[in-house]
PDB file of N, CA and C in Angstrom:
ATOM      1  N   MET A   1      84.928  69.627  82.835  1.00  0.00           N
ATOM      2  CA  MET A   1      85.831  70.740  82.645  1.00  0.00           C
ATOM      3  C   MET A   1      85.965  71.501  83.962  1.00  0.00           C
ATOM      4  N   GLN A   2      87.214  71.745  84.344  1.00  0.00           N
ATOM      5  CA  GLN A   2      87.500  72.392  85.618  1.00  0.00           C
ATOM      6  C   GLN A   2      87.731  73.886  85.400  1.00  0.00           C
ATOM      7  N   SER A   3      87.101  74.719  86.228  1.00  0.00           N
ATOM      8  CA  SER A   3      87.292  76.165  86.084  1.00  0.00           C
ATOM      9  C   SER A   3      88.553  76.595  86.818  1.00  0.00           C
ATOM     10  N   SER A   4      89.166  77.676  86.316  1.00  0.00           N
ATOM     11  CA  SER A   4      90.379  78.178  86.969  1.00  0.00           C
ATOM     12  C   SER A   4      89.988  78.930  88.232  1.00  0.00           C
ATOM     13  N   PRO A   5      90.859  78.915  89.250  1.00  0.00           N
ATOM     14  CA  PRO A   5      90.552  79.594  90.506  1.00  0.00           C
ATOM     15  C   PRO A   5      90.450  81.104  90.296  1.00  0.00           C
ATOM     16  N   ALA A   6      89.602  81.741  91.082  1.00  0.00           N
ATOM     17  CA  ALA A   6      89.434  83.189  90.990  1.00  0.00           C
ATOM     18  C   ALA A   6      90.726  83.884  91.410  1.00  0.00           C
ATOM     19  N   VAL A   7      91.050  84.945  90.710  1.00  0.00           N
ATOM     20  CA  VAL A   7      92.238  85.728  91.030  1.00  0.00           C
ATOM     21  C   VAL A   7      91.884  86.672  92.168  1.00  0.00           C
ATOM     22  N   ALA A   8      92.718  86.684  93.206  1.00  0.00           N
ATOM     23  CA  ALA A   8      92.497  87.601  94.331  1.00  0.00           C
ATOM     24  C   ALA A   8      92.760  89.021  93.865  1.00  0.00           C
ATOM     25  N   ARG A   9      91.917  89.959  94.283  1.00  0.00           N
ATOM     26  CA  ARG A   9      92.021  91.366  93.891  1.00  0.00           C
ATOM     27  C   ARG A   9      92.242  92.241  95.118  1.00  0.00           C
ATOM     28  N   CYS A  10      93.044  93.265  94.936  1.00  0.00           N
ATOM     29  CA  CYS A  10      93.290  94.246  95.985  1.00  0.00           C
ATOM     30  C   CYS A  10      91.967  94.942  96.311  1.00  0.00           C
ATOM     31  N   PRO A  11      91.571  95.011  97.582  1.00  0.00           N
ATOM     32  CA  PRO A  11      90.301  95.644  97.925  1.00  0.00           C
ATOM     33  C   PRO A  11      90.294  97.158  97.698  1.00  0.00           C
ATOM     34  N   HIS A  12      91.472  97.761  97.518  1.00  0.00           N
ATOM     35  CA  HIS A  12      91.514  99.201  97.309  1.00  0.00           C
ATOM     36  C   HIS A  12      91.519  99.568  95.822  1.00  0.00           C
ATOM     37  N   CYS A  13      92.438  98.996  95.032  1.00  0.00           N
ATOM     38  CA  CYS A  13      92.566  99.415  93.632  1.00  0.00           C
ATOM     39  C   CYS A  13      92.060  98.388  92.635  1.00  0.00           C
ATOM     40  N   GLY A  14      91.842  97.143  93.082  1.00  0.00           N
ATOM     41  CA  GLY A  14      91.323  96.118  92.188  1.00  0.00           C
ATOM     42  C   GLY A  14      92.368  95.352  91.413  1.00  0.00           C
ATOM     43  N   ALA A  15      93.649  95.668  91.599  1.00  0.00           N
ATOM     44  CA  ALA A  15      94.711  94.946  90.889  1.00  0.00           C
ATOM     45  C   ALA A  15      94.820  93.519  91.418  1.00  0.00           C
ATOM     46  N   ALA A  16      95.334  92.647  90.583  1.00  0.00           N
ATOM     47  CA  ALA A  16      95.566  91.271  91.016  1.00  0.00           C
ATOM     48  C   ALA A  16      96.591  91.266  92.143  1.00  0.00           C
ATOM     49  N   VAL A  17      96.368  90.416  93.120  1.00  0.00           N
ATOM     50  CA  VAL A  17      97.268  90.300  94.264  1.00  0.00           C
ATOM     51  C   VAL A  17      98.212  89.130  94.001  1.00  0.00           C
ATOM     52  N   ALA A  18      99.507  89.374  94.193  1.00  0.00           N
ATOM     53  CA  ALA A  18     100.528  88.403  93.817  1.00  0.00           C
ATOM     54  C   ALA A  18     100.497  87.118  94.636  1.00  0.00           C
ATOM     55  N   GLY A  19     100.577  87.221  95.943  1.00  0.00           N
ATOM     56  CA  GLY A  19     100.685  86.039  96.789  1.00  0.00           C
ATOM     57  C   GLY A  19      99.336  85.563  97.305  1.00  0.00           C
ATOM     58  N   VAL A  20      99.257  84.283  97.579  1.00  0.00           N
ATOM     59  CA  VAL A  20      98.019  83.689  98.085  1.00  0.00           C
ATOM     60  C   VAL A  20      97.634  84.301  99.434  1.00  0.00           C
ATOM     61  N   GLU A  21      98.636  84.602 100.255  1.00  0.00           N
ATOM     62  CA  GLU A  21      98.369  85.139 101.586  1.00  0.00           C
ATOM     63  C   GLU A  21      98.260  86.668 101.600  1.00  0.00           C
ATOM     64  N   ASP A  22      98.589  87.316 100.486  1.00  0.00           N
ATOM     65  CA  ASP A  22      98.526  88.778 100.425  1.00  0.00           C
ATOM     66  C   ASP A  22      97.090  89.232 100.230  1.00  0.00           C
ATOM     67  N   ARG A  23      96.725  90.322 100.897  1.00  0.00           N
ATOM     68  CA  ARG A  23      95.398  90.889 100.718  1.00  0.00           C
ATOM     69  C   ARG A  23      95.434  92.100  99.790  1.00  0.00           C
ATOM     70  N   PHE A  24      96.531  92.870  99.846  1.00  0.00           N
ATOM     71  CA  PHE A  24      96.681  94.080  99.049  1.00  0.00           C
ATOM     72  C   PHE A  24      97.804  93.900  98.035  1.00  0.00           C
ATOM     73  N   CYS A  25      97.748  94.687  96.956  1.00  0.00           N
ATOM     74  CA  CYS A  25      98.786  94.593  95.924  1.00  0.00           C
ATOM     75  C   CYS A  25     100.068  95.304  96.343  1.00  0.00           C
ATOM     76  N   CYS A  26      99.953  96.309  97.240  1.00  0.00           N
ATOM     77  CA  CYS A  26     101.125  97.070  97.659  1.00  0.00           C
ATOM     78  C   CYS A  26     100.833  97.756  99.001  1.00  0.00           C
ATOM     79  N   HIS A  27     101.890  98.276  99.615  1.00  0.00           N
ATOM     80  CA  HIS A  27     101.725  98.967 100.901  1.00  0.00           C
ATOM     81  C   HIS A  27     100.957 100.268 100.753  1.00  0.00           C
ATOM     82  N   GLY A  28     101.077 100.928  99.597  1.00  0.00           N
ATOM     83  CA  GLY A  28     100.338 102.170  99.372  1.00  0.00           C
ATOM     84  C   GLY A  28      98.842 101.947  99.441  1.00  0.00           C
ATOM     85  N   CYS A  29      98.375 100.887  98.768  1.00  0.00           N
ATOM     86  CA  CYS A  29      96.939 100.586  98.801  1.00  0.00           C
ATOM     87  C   CYS A  29      96.494 100.167 100.201  1.00  0.00           C
ATOM     88  N   GLU A  30      97.316  99.392 100.873  1.00  0.00           N
ATOM     89  CA  GLU A  30      96.966  98.972 102.231  1.00  0.00           C
ATOM     90  C   GLU A  30      96.839 100.184 103.156  1.00  0.00           C
ATOM     91  N   THR A  31      97.793 101.117 103.043  1.00  0.00           N
ATOM     92  CA  THR A  31      97.760 102.317 103.875  1.00  0.00           C
ATOM     93  C   THR A  31      96.556 103.188 103.538  1.00  0.00           C
ATOM     94  N   ALA A  32      96.309 103.393 102.244  1.00  0.00           N
ATOM     95  CA  ALA A  32      95.157 104.206 101.835  1.00  0.00           C
ATOM     96  C   ALA A  32      93.855 103.567 102.300  1.00  0.00           C
ATOM     97  N   TRP A  33      93.719 102.251 102.170  1.00  0.00           N
ATOM     98  CA  TRP A  33      92.519 101.529 102.606  1.00  0.00           C
ATOM     99  C   TRP A  33      92.298 101.752 104.104  1.00  0.00           C
ATOM    100  N   GLN A  34      93.378 101.653 104.887  1.00  0.00           N
ATOM    101  CA  GLN A  34      93.270 101.842 106.336  1.00  0.00           C
ATOM    102  C   GLN A  34      92.859 103.266 106.677  1.00  0.00           C
ATOM    103  N   ILE A  35      93.442 104.255 105.981  1.00  0.00           N
ATOM    104  CA  ILE A  35      93.098 105.656 106.230  1.00  0.00           C
ATOM    105  C   ILE A  35      91.629 105.902 105.911  1.00  0.00           C
ATOM    106  N   VAL A  36      91.152 105.363 104.791  1.00  0.00           N
ATOM    107  CA  VAL A  36      89.747 105.532 104.397  1.00  0.00           C
ATOM    108  C   VAL A  36      88.830 104.939 105.464  1.00  0.00           C
ATOM    109  N   HIS A  37      89.146 103.730 105.937  1.00  0.00           N
ATOM    110  CA  HIS A  37      88.313 103.085 106.957  1.00  0.00           C
ATOM    111  C   HIS A  37      88.399 103.791 108.309  1.00  0.00           C
ATOM    112  N   ASP A  38      89.593 104.232 108.697  1.00  0.00           N
ATOM    113  CA  ASP A  38      89.747 104.945 109.967  1.00  0.00           C
ATOM    114  C   ASP A  38      88.970 106.259 109.977  1.00  0.00           C
ATOM    115  N   ALA A  39      88.794 106.841 108.790  1.00  0.00           N
ATOM    116  CA  ALA A  39      88.040 108.096 108.676  1.00  0.00           C
ATOM    117  C   ALA A  39      86.530 107.847 108.598  1.00  0.00           C
ATOM    118  N   GLY A  40      86.126 106.575 108.659  1.00  0.00           N
ATOM    119  CA  GLY A  40      84.710 106.241 108.599  1.00  0.00           C
ATOM    120  C   GLY A  40      84.111 106.342 107.209  1.00  0.00           C
ATOM    121  N   LEU A  41      84.961 106.225 106.181  1.00  0.00           N
ATOM    122  CA  LEU A  41      84.507 106.394 104.804  1.00  0.00           C
ATOM    123  C   LEU A  41      84.533 105.092 104.004  1.00  0.00           C
ATOM    124  N   GLY A  42      84.463 103.958 104.682  1.00  0.00           N
ATOM    125  CA  GLY A  42      84.546 102.659 104.025  1.00  0.00           C
ATOM    126  C   GLY A  42      83.455 102.405 103.000  1.00  0.00           C
ATOM    127  N   ASP A  43      82.313 103.113 103.098  1.00  0.00           N
ATOM    128  CA  ASP A  43      81.243 102.955 102.109  1.00  0.00           C
ATOM    129  C   ASP A  43      81.683 103.368 100.707  1.00  0.00           C
ATOM    130  N   TRP A  44      82.723 104.149 100.615  1.00  0.00           N
ATOM    131  CA  TRP A  44      83.224 104.583  99.310  1.00  0.00           C
ATOM    132  C   TRP A  44      83.498 103.381  98.414  1.00  0.00           C
ATOM    133  N   TYR A  45      84.009 102.306  98.992  1.00  0.00           N
ATOM    134  CA  TYR A  45      84.347 101.123  98.196  1.00  0.00           C
ATOM    135  C   TYR A  45      83.116 100.478  97.566  1.00  0.00           C
ATOM    136  N   THR A  46      81.988 100.529  98.232  1.00  0.00           N
ATOM    137  CA  THR A  46      80.769  99.923  97.673  1.00  0.00           C
ATOM    138  C   THR A  46      80.077 100.853  96.686  1.00  0.00           C
ATOM    139  N   LYS A  47      80.371 102.154  96.727  1.00  0.00           N
ATOM    140  CA  LYS A  47      79.703 103.123  95.863  1.00  0.00           C
ATOM    141  C   LYS A  47      80.499 103.501  94.614  1.00  0.00           C
ATOM    142  N   ARG A  48      81.789 103.202  94.582  1.00  0.00           N
ATOM    143  CA  ARG A  48      82.587 103.616  93.424  1.00  0.00           C
ATOM    144  C   ARG A  48      82.168 102.844  92.177  1.00  0.00           C
ATOM    145  N   GLN A  49      82.404 103.470  91.038  1.00  0.00           N
ATOM    146  CA  GLN A  49      81.980 102.909  89.762  1.00  0.00           C
ATOM    147  C   GLN A  49      83.000 101.937  89.166  1.00  0.00           C
ATOM    148  N   SER A  50      84.310 102.177  89.401  1.00  0.00           N
ATOM    149  CA  SER A  50      85.346 101.318  88.815  1.00  0.00           C
ATOM    150  C   SER A  50      86.647 101.462  89.601  1.00  0.00           C
ATOM    151  N   ASP A  51      87.562 100.562  89.321  1.00  0.00           N
ATOM    152  CA  ASP A  51      88.883 100.619  89.944  1.00  0.00           C
ATOM    153  C   ASP A  51      89.723 101.692  89.258  1.00  0.00           C
ATOM    154  N   GLY A  52      90.801 102.121  89.922  1.00  0.00           N
ATOM    155  CA  GLY A  52      91.686 103.131  89.353  1.00  0.00           C
ATOM    156  C   GLY A  52      92.533 102.604  88.209  1.00  0.00           C
ATOM    157  N   VAL A  53      92.997 103.511  87.370  1.00  0.00           N
ATOM    158  CA  VAL A  53      93.890 103.179  86.263  1.00  0.00           C
ATOM    159  C   VAL A  53      95.299 103.114  86.801  1.00  0.00           C
ATOM    160  N   ARG A  54      96.070 102.143  86.365  1.00  0.00           N
ATOM    161  CA  ARG A  54      97.425 101.942  86.866  1.00  0.00           C
ATOM    162  C   ARG A  54      98.452 102.485  85.878  1.00  0.00           C
ATOM    163  N   PRO A  55      99.529 103.152  86.393  1.00  0.00           N
ATOM    164  CA  PRO A  55     100.569 103.668  85.498  1.00  0.00           C
ATOM    165  C   PRO A  55     101.499 102.550  85.031  1.00  0.00           C
ATOM    166  N   GLU A  56     102.326 102.867  84.041  1.00  0.00           N
ATOM    167  CA  GLU A  56     103.338 101.916  83.592  1.00  0.00           C
ATOM    168  C   GLU A  56     104.448 101.828  84.633  1.00  0.00           C
ATOM    169  N   GLN A  57     105.264 100.760  84.559  1.00  0.00           N
ATOM    170  CA  GLN A  57     106.377 100.572  85.486  1.00  0.00           C
ATOM    171  C   GLN A  57     107.380 101.712  85.372  1.00  0.00           C
ATOM    172  N   LEU A  58     107.822 102.252  86.498  1.00  0.00           N
ATOM    173  CA  LEU A  58     108.780 103.351  86.524  1.00  0.00           C
ATOM    174  C   LEU A  58     110.124 102.865  87.052  1.00  0.00           C
ATOM    175  N   GLN A  59     111.170 103.545  86.671  1.00  0.00           N
ATOM    176  CA  GLN A  59     112.505 103.249  87.179  1.00  0.00           C
ATOM    177  C   GLN A  59     112.941 104.391  88.079  1.00  0.00           C
ATOM    178  N   GLY A  60     113.438 104.084  89.289  1.00  0.00           N
ATOM    179  CA  GLY A  60     113.804 105.126  90.242  1.00  0.00           C
ATOM    180  C   GLY A  60     115.228 105.615  90.060  1.00  0.00           C
ATOM    181  N   THR A  61     115.408 106.926  90.094  1.00  0.00           N
ATOM    182  CA  THR A  61     116.744 107.526  90.015  1.00  0.00           C
ATOM    183  C   THR A  61     116.748 108.839  90.773  1.00  0.00           C
ATOM    184  N   TRP A  62     117.909 109.244  91.233  1.00  0.00           N
ATOM    185  CA  TRP A  62     118.090 110.587  91.788  1.00  0.00           C
ATOM    186  C   TRP A  62     118.408 111.470  90.593  1.00  0.00           C
ATOM    187  N   GLU A  63     117.642 112.514  90.379  1.00  0.00           N
ATOM    188  CA  GLU A  63     117.867 113.346  89.208  1.00  0.00           C
ATOM    189  C   GLU A  63     118.651 114.619  89.512  1.00  0.00           C
ATOM    190  N   ALA A  64     118.259 115.332  90.543  1.00  0.00           N
ATOM    191  CA  ALA A  64     118.908 116.617  90.784  1.00  0.00           C
ATOM    192  C   ALA A  64     118.805 116.970  92.260  1.00  0.00           C
ATOM    193  N   LEU A  65     119.851 117.524  92.779  1.00  0.00           N
ATOM    194  CA  LEU A  65     119.838 118.051  94.137  1.00  0.00           C
ATOM    195  C   LEU A  65     120.429 119.438  94.047  1.00  0.00           C
ATOM    196  N   GLN A  66     119.630 120.434  94.300  1.00  0.00           N
ATOM    197  CA  GLN A  66     120.099 121.800  94.147  1.00  0.00           C
ATOM    198  C   GLN A  66     119.525 122.693  95.229  1.00  0.00           C
ATOM    199  N   PRO A  67     120.346 123.565  95.793  1.00  0.00           N
ATOM    200  CA  PRO A  67     119.807 124.503  96.769  1.00  0.00           C
ATOM    201  C   PRO A  67     118.842 125.462  96.079  1.00  0.00           C
ATOM    202  N   ALA A  68     117.734 125.719  96.713  1.00  0.00           N
ATOM    203  CA  ALA A  68     116.788 126.692  96.176  1.00  0.00           C
ATOM    204  C   ALA A  68     117.360 128.089  96.360  1.00  0.00           C
ATOM    205  N   PRO A  69     117.026 129.005  95.500  1.00  0.00           N
ATOM    206  CA  PRO A  69     117.618 130.344  95.580  1.00  0.00           C
ATOM    207  C   PRO A  69     117.140 131.192  96.757  1.00  0.00           C
ATOM    208  N   ILE A  70     116.034 130.821  97.399  1.00  0.00           N
ATOM    209  CA  ILE A  70     115.518 131.663  98.485  1.00  0.00           C
ATOM    210  C   ILE A  70     115.386 130.845  99.772  1.00  0.00           C
ATOM    211  N   ASP A  71     115.504 131.504 100.882  1.00  0.00           N
ATOM    212  CA  ASP A  71     115.220 130.941 102.209  1.00  0.00           C
ATOM    213  C   ASP A  71     116.114 129.786 102.648  1.00  0.00           C
ATOM    214  N   GLY A  72     117.170 129.478 101.934  1.00  0.00           N
ATOM    215  CA  GLY A  72     118.079 128.419 102.353  1.00  0.00           C
ATOM    216  C   GLY A  72     117.491 127.015 102.324  1.00  0.00           C
ATOM    217  N   VAL A  73     116.464 126.795 101.547  1.00  0.00           N
ATOM    218  CA  VAL A  73     115.875 125.468 101.446  1.00  0.00           C
ATOM    219  C   VAL A  73     116.499 124.709 100.283  1.00  0.00           C
ATOM    220  N   CYS A  74     116.349 123.407 100.300  1.00  0.00           N
ATOM    221  CA  CYS A  74     116.852 122.557  99.222  1.00  0.00           C
ATOM    222  C   CYS A  74     115.676 121.979  98.456  1.00  0.00           C
ATOM    223  N   GLU A  75     115.947 121.603  97.223  1.00  0.00           N
ATOM    224  CA  GLU A  75     114.909 121.042  96.361  1.00  0.00           C
ATOM    225  C   GLU A  75     115.472 119.840  95.614  1.00  0.00           C
ATOM    226  N   ILE A  76     114.645 118.821  95.468  1.00  0.00           N
ATOM    227  CA  ILE A  76     115.060 117.642  94.717  1.00  0.00           C
ATOM    228  C   ILE A  76     113.867 117.133  93.906  1.00  0.00           C
ATOM    229  N   THR A  77     114.167 116.586  92.745  1.00  0.00           N
ATOM    230  CA  THR A  77     113.158 115.919  91.931  1.00  0.00           C
ATOM    231  C   THR A  77     113.582 114.465  91.809  1.00  0.00           C
ATOM    232  N   LEU A  78     112.666 113.568  92.151  1.00  0.00           N
ATOM    233  CA  LEU A  78     112.949 112.135  92.146  1.00  0.00           C
ATOM    234  C   LEU A  78     112.001 111.414  91.195  1.00  0.00           C
ATOM    235  N   ALA A  79     112.482 110.336  90.621  1.00  0.00           N
ATOM    236  CA  ALA A  79     111.598 109.407  89.924  1.00  0.00           C
ATOM    237  C   ALA A  79     111.306 108.301  90.928  1.00  0.00           C
ATOM    238  N   VAL A  80     110.043 108.107  91.258  1.00  0.00           N
ATOM    239  CA  VAL A  80     109.667 107.164  92.302  1.00  0.00           C
ATOM    240  C   VAL A  80     109.280 105.829  91.683  1.00  0.00           C
ATOM    241  N   ASP A  81     109.930 104.783  92.131  1.00  0.00           N
ATOM    242  CA  ASP A  81     109.660 103.425  91.687  1.00  0.00           C
ATOM    243  C   ASP A  81     108.431 102.865  92.386  1.00  0.00           C
ATOM    244  N   GLY A  82     107.633 102.118  91.694  1.00  0.00           N
ATOM    245  CA  GLY A  82     106.581 101.340  92.326  1.00  0.00           C
ATOM    246  C   GLY A  82     105.270 102.058  92.579  1.00  0.00           C
ATOM    247  N   LEU A  83     105.033 103.225  91.977  1.00  0.00           N
ATOM    248  CA  LEU A  83     103.719 103.847  92.099  1.00  0.00           C
ATOM    249  C   LEU A  83     102.749 102.985  91.305  1.00  0.00           C
ATOM    250  N   ARG A  84     101.890 102.291  92.000  1.00  0.00           N
ATOM    251  CA  ARG A  84     101.005 101.335  91.338  1.00  0.00           C
ATOM    252  C   ARG A  84      99.625 101.899  91.051  1.00  0.00           C
ATOM    253  N   CYS A  85      99.255 102.961  91.758  1.00  0.00           N
ATOM    254  CA  CYS A  85      97.920 103.527  91.570  1.00  0.00           C
ATOM    255  C   CYS A  85      97.896 104.926  92.172  1.00  0.00           C
ATOM    256  N   ALA A  86      96.779 105.595  92.012  1.00  0.00           N
ATOM    257  CA  ALA A  86      96.640 106.952  92.557  1.00  0.00           C
ATOM    258  C   ALA A  86      96.745 106.959  94.081  1.00  0.00           C
ATOM    259  N   SER A  87      96.390 105.855  94.719  1.00  0.00           N
ATOM    260  CA  SER A  87      96.506 105.774  96.184  1.00  0.00           C
ATOM    261  C   SER A  87      97.959 105.849  96.627  1.00  0.00           C
ATOM    262  N   CYS A  88      98.825 105.169  95.901  1.00  0.00           N
ATOM    263  CA  CYS A  88     100.256 105.235  96.229  1.00  0.00           C
ATOM    264  C   CYS A  88     100.739 106.680  96.153  1.00  0.00           C
ATOM    265  N   THR A  89     100.327 107.371  95.103  1.00  0.00           N
ATOM    266  CA  THR A  89     100.711 108.765  94.915  1.00  0.00           C
ATOM    267  C   THR A  89     100.227 109.616  96.079  1.00  0.00           C
ATOM    268  N   TRP A  90      98.974 109.437  96.450  1.00  0.00           N
ATOM    269  CA  TRP A  90      98.375 110.203  97.549  1.00  0.00           C
ATOM    270  C   TRP A  90      99.099 109.940  98.870  1.00  0.00           C
ATOM    271  N   VAL A  91      99.395 108.674  99.153  1.00  0.00           N
ATOM    272  CA  VAL A  91     100.069 108.320 100.412  1.00  0.00           C
ATOM    273  C   VAL A  91     101.467 108.932 100.453  1.00  0.00           C
ATOM    274  N   VAL A  92     102.248 108.794  99.376  1.00  0.00           N
ATOM    275  CA  VAL A  92     103.606 109.340  99.347  1.00  0.00           C
ATOM    276  C   VAL A  92     103.570 110.849  99.552  1.00  0.00           C
ATOM    277  N   GLU A  93     102.707 111.535  98.827  1.00  0.00           N
ATOM    278  CA  GLU A  93     102.634 112.994  98.933  1.00  0.00           C
ATOM    279  C   GLU A  93     102.230 113.434 100.339  1.00  0.00           C
ATOM    280  N   ASN A  94     101.223 112.797 100.905  1.00  0.00           N
ATOM    281  CA  ASN A  94     100.751 113.199 102.232  1.00  0.00           C
ATOM    282  C   ASN A  94     101.752 112.882 103.332  1.00  0.00           C
ATOM    283  N   LEU A  95     102.440 111.764 103.244  1.00  0.00           N
ATOM    284  CA  LEU A  95     103.458 111.453 104.252  1.00  0.00           C
ATOM    285  C   LEU A  95     104.619 112.436 104.172  1.00  0.00           C
ATOM    286  N   LEU A  96     105.033 112.786 102.966  1.00  0.00           N
ATOM    287  CA  LEU A  96     106.097 113.778 102.821  1.00  0.00           C
ATOM    288  C   LEU A  96     105.668 115.129 103.380  1.00  0.00           C
ATOM    289  N   GLN A  97     104.451 115.545 103.074  1.00  0.00           N
ATOM    290  CA  GLN A  97     103.964 116.842 103.540  1.00  0.00           C
ATOM    291  C   GLN A  97     103.846 116.913 105.058  1.00  0.00           C
ATOM    292  N   ARG A  98     103.698 115.797 105.713  1.00  0.00           N
ATOM    293  CA  ARG A  98     103.594 115.763 107.178  1.00  0.00           C
ATOM    294  C   ARG A  98     104.949 115.664 107.870  1.00  0.00           C
ATOM    295  N   THR A  99     106.021 115.554 107.089  1.00  0.00           N
ATOM    296  CA  THR A  99     107.366 115.442 107.641  1.00  0.00           C
ATOM    297  C   THR A  99     107.864 116.813 108.086  1.00  0.00           C
ATOM    298  N   ASP A 100     108.345 116.898 109.330  1.00  0.00           N
ATOM    299  CA  ASP A 100     108.872 118.146 109.855  1.00  0.00           C
ATOM    300  C   ASP A 100     110.000 118.640 108.955  1.00  0.00           C
ATOM    301  N   GLY A 101     109.931 119.894 108.554  1.00  0.00           N
ATOM    302  CA  GLY A 101     110.964 120.480 107.712  1.00  0.00           C
ATOM    303  C   GLY A 101     110.656 120.450 106.228  1.00  0.00           C
ATOM    304  N   VAL A 102     109.701 119.642 105.801  1.00  0.00           N
ATOM    305  CA  VAL A 102     109.318 119.615 104.395  1.00  0.00           C
ATOM    306  C   VAL A 102     108.354 120.766 104.143  1.00  0.00           C
ATOM    307  N   ARG A 103     108.722 121.628 103.238  1.00  0.00           N
ATOM    308  CA  ARG A 103     107.878 122.795 102.927  1.00  0.00           C
ATOM    309  C   ARG A 103     106.906 122.507 101.793  1.00  0.00           C
ATOM    310  N   GLU A 104     107.296 121.639 100.889  1.00  0.00           N
ATOM    311  CA  GLU A 104     106.419 121.321  99.756  1.00  0.00           C
ATOM    312  C   GLU A 104     106.760 119.928  99.236  1.00  0.00           C
ATOM    313  N   ALA A 105     105.738 119.171  98.890  1.00  0.00           N
ATOM    314  CA  ALA A 105     105.918 117.853  98.279  1.00  0.00           C
ATOM    315  C   ALA A 105     104.816 117.666  97.243  1.00  0.00           C
ATOM    316  N   ARG A 106     105.201 117.400  96.022  1.00  0.00           N
ATOM    317  CA  ARG A 106     104.245 117.173  94.942  1.00  0.00           C
ATOM    318  C   ARG A 106     104.640 115.902  94.204  1.00  0.00           C
ATOM    319  N   VAL A 107     103.701 114.997  94.102  1.00  0.00           N
ATOM    320  CA  VAL A 107     103.923 113.733  93.410  1.00  0.00           C
ATOM    321  C   VAL A 107     103.039 113.718  92.173  1.00  0.00           C
ATOM    322  N   SER A 108     103.639 113.436  91.026  1.00  0.00           N
ATOM    323  CA  SER A 108     102.878 113.334  89.782  1.00  0.00           C
ATOM    324  C   SER A 108     102.628 111.869  89.472  1.00  0.00           C
ATOM    325  N   TYR A 109     101.376 111.487  89.491  1.00  0.00           N
ATOM    326  CA  TYR A 109     100.980 110.120  89.145  1.00  0.00           C
ATOM    327  C   TYR A 109     101.318 109.820  87.683  1.00  0.00           C
ATOM    328  N   ALA A 110     101.126 110.824  86.823  1.00  0.00           N
ATOM    329  CA  ALA A 110     101.333 110.643  85.387  1.00  0.00           C
ATOM    330  C   ALA A 110     102.793 110.387  85.031  1.00  0.00           C
ATOM    331  N   THR A 111     103.728 111.091  85.690  1.00  0.00           N
ATOM    332  CA  THR A 111     105.141 110.972  85.329  1.00  0.00           C
ATOM    333  C   THR A 111     105.955 110.157  86.329  1.00  0.00           C
ATOM    334  N   GLY A 112     105.414 109.953  87.531  1.00  0.00           N
ATOM    335  CA  GLY A 112     106.165 109.261  88.568  1.00  0.00           C
ATOM    336  C   GLY A 112     107.229 110.130  89.211  1.00  0.00           C
ATOM    337  N   ARG A 113     107.186 111.410  88.951  1.00  0.00           N
ATOM    338  CA  ARG A 113     108.161 112.342  89.510  1.00  0.00           C
ATOM    339  C   ARG A 113     107.648 112.925  90.822  1.00  0.00           C
ATOM    340  N   THR A 114     108.567 113.098  91.766  1.00  0.00           N
ATOM    341  CA  THR A 114     108.247 113.706  93.050  1.00  0.00           C
ATOM    342  C   THR A 114     109.182 114.880  93.279  1.00  0.00           C
ATOM    343  N   ARG A 115     108.610 116.036  93.570  1.00  0.00           N
ATOM    344  CA  ARG A 115     109.384 117.239  93.866  1.00  0.00           C
ATOM    345  C   ARG A 115     109.230 117.531  95.347  1.00  0.00           C
ATOM    346  N   VAL A 116     110.362 117.642  96.042  1.00  0.00           N
ATOM    347  CA  VAL A 116     110.353 117.912  97.477  1.00  0.00           C
ATOM    348  C   VAL A 116     111.215 119.138  97.744  1.00  0.00           C
ATOM    349  N   VAL A 117     110.664 120.073  98.513  1.00  0.00           N
ATOM    350  CA  VAL A 117     111.387 121.254  98.976  1.00  0.00           C
ATOM    351  C   VAL A 117     111.439 121.147 100.495  1.00  0.00           C
ATOM    352  N   TRP A 118     112.644 121.209 101.055  1.00  0.00           N
ATOM    353  CA  TRP A 118     112.778 121.034 102.500  1.00  0.00           C
ATOM    354  C   TRP A 118     113.842 121.946 103.082  1.00  0.00           C
ATOM    355  N   ASP A 119     113.737 122.147 104.378  1.00  0.00           N
ATOM    356  CA  ASP A 119     114.684 122.950 105.144  1.00  0.00           C
ATOM    357  C   ASP A 119     115.722 121.999 105.722  1.00  0.00           C
ATOM    358  N   PRO A 120     116.962 122.042 105.237  1.00  0.00           N
ATOM    359  CA  PRO A 120     117.978 121.110 105.703  1.00  0.00           C
ATOM    360  C   PRO A 120     118.385 121.299 107.163  1.00  0.00           C
ATOM    361  N   THR A 121     117.999 122.407 107.776  1.00  0.00           N
ATOM    362  CA  THR A 121     118.289 122.586 109.200  1.00  0.00           C
ATOM    363  C   THR A 121     117.259 121.885 110.068  1.00  0.00           C
ATOM    364  N   ARG A 122     116.125 121.478 109.481  1.00  0.00           N
ATOM    365  CA  ARG A 122     115.061 120.826 110.248  1.00  0.00           C
ATOM    366  C   ARG A 122     114.914 119.345 109.934  1.00  0.00           C
ATOM    367  N   THR A 123     115.369 118.915 108.758  1.00  0.00           N
ATOM    368  CA  THR A 123     115.257 117.503 108.399  1.00  0.00           C
ATOM    369  C   THR A 123     116.366 117.131 107.416  1.00  0.00           C
ATOM    370  N   ASP A 124     116.708 115.866 107.431  1.00  0.00           N
ATOM    371  CA  ASP A 124     117.718 115.331 106.524  1.00  0.00           C
ATOM    372  C   ASP A 124     116.995 114.484 105.487  1.00  0.00           C
ATOM    373  N   LEU A 125     117.299 114.673 104.250  1.00  0.00           N
ATOM    374  CA  LEU A 125     116.624 113.946 103.185  1.00  0.00           C
ATOM    375  C   LEU A 125     116.740 112.423 103.350  1.00  0.00           C
ATOM    376  N   ARG A 126     117.809 111.968 103.935  1.00  0.00           N
ATOM    377  CA  ARG A 126     118.026 110.527 104.069  1.00  0.00           C
ATOM    378  C   ARG A 126     117.184 109.906 105.191  1.00  0.00           C
ATOM    379  N   THR A 127     116.535 110.716 106.026  1.00  0.00           N
ATOM    380  CA  THR A 127     115.774 110.136 107.135  1.00  0.00           C
ATOM    381  C   THR A 127     114.303 110.056 106.881  1.00  0.00           C
TER     382      THR A 127
END
């Protein structure tokens, strides 16, 4: 009797990896893994108790674009496609918060919604 080959697992979240040559399940996990290692915190992977819980598949849409009532900033709420784990959520939120002109960025792992408040004189939402 022949045993089935072991399924490759993402080193960050533990999800099955799709391709034979792929190491991570998604770019979010790859980025989070790199940030953790660059910060010298790679031991976290050997000490954690379990892998993260994954959300259900989300569908991306533009929901609302409305000027905020104060300070001339704009606000948008988005449904983000492809959030595969809490790491994806963390990476998206932190990259948005580091963008010049973004005043606030909040990503909800539970709902897949992202709220961004930005100054349109300092950044363009499309960039």
